[in-house]
């Protein structure tokens, strides 16, 4: 088993549907330019209200990706 080195990147995803979708949106967008993503951690969840209803979910995540040798 090799010993990996990771770098962490903080992202904020958003969605009108759910907090899970907000996470998925952030990871999908990052995957277009970041290689070797291995894990994520939810740091904060918040939302935007409009007329006493949830309008948007915002989720802050940390994503760990392996640094190339």
Foldseek 3Di string as FASTA:
>chain_A
DDDWDKDKDKDKFKDQPDPVVRVVRGVVVVPVPDPAWDDKDWDDWDADDDPNDTRMIITIMIIIGTDDD
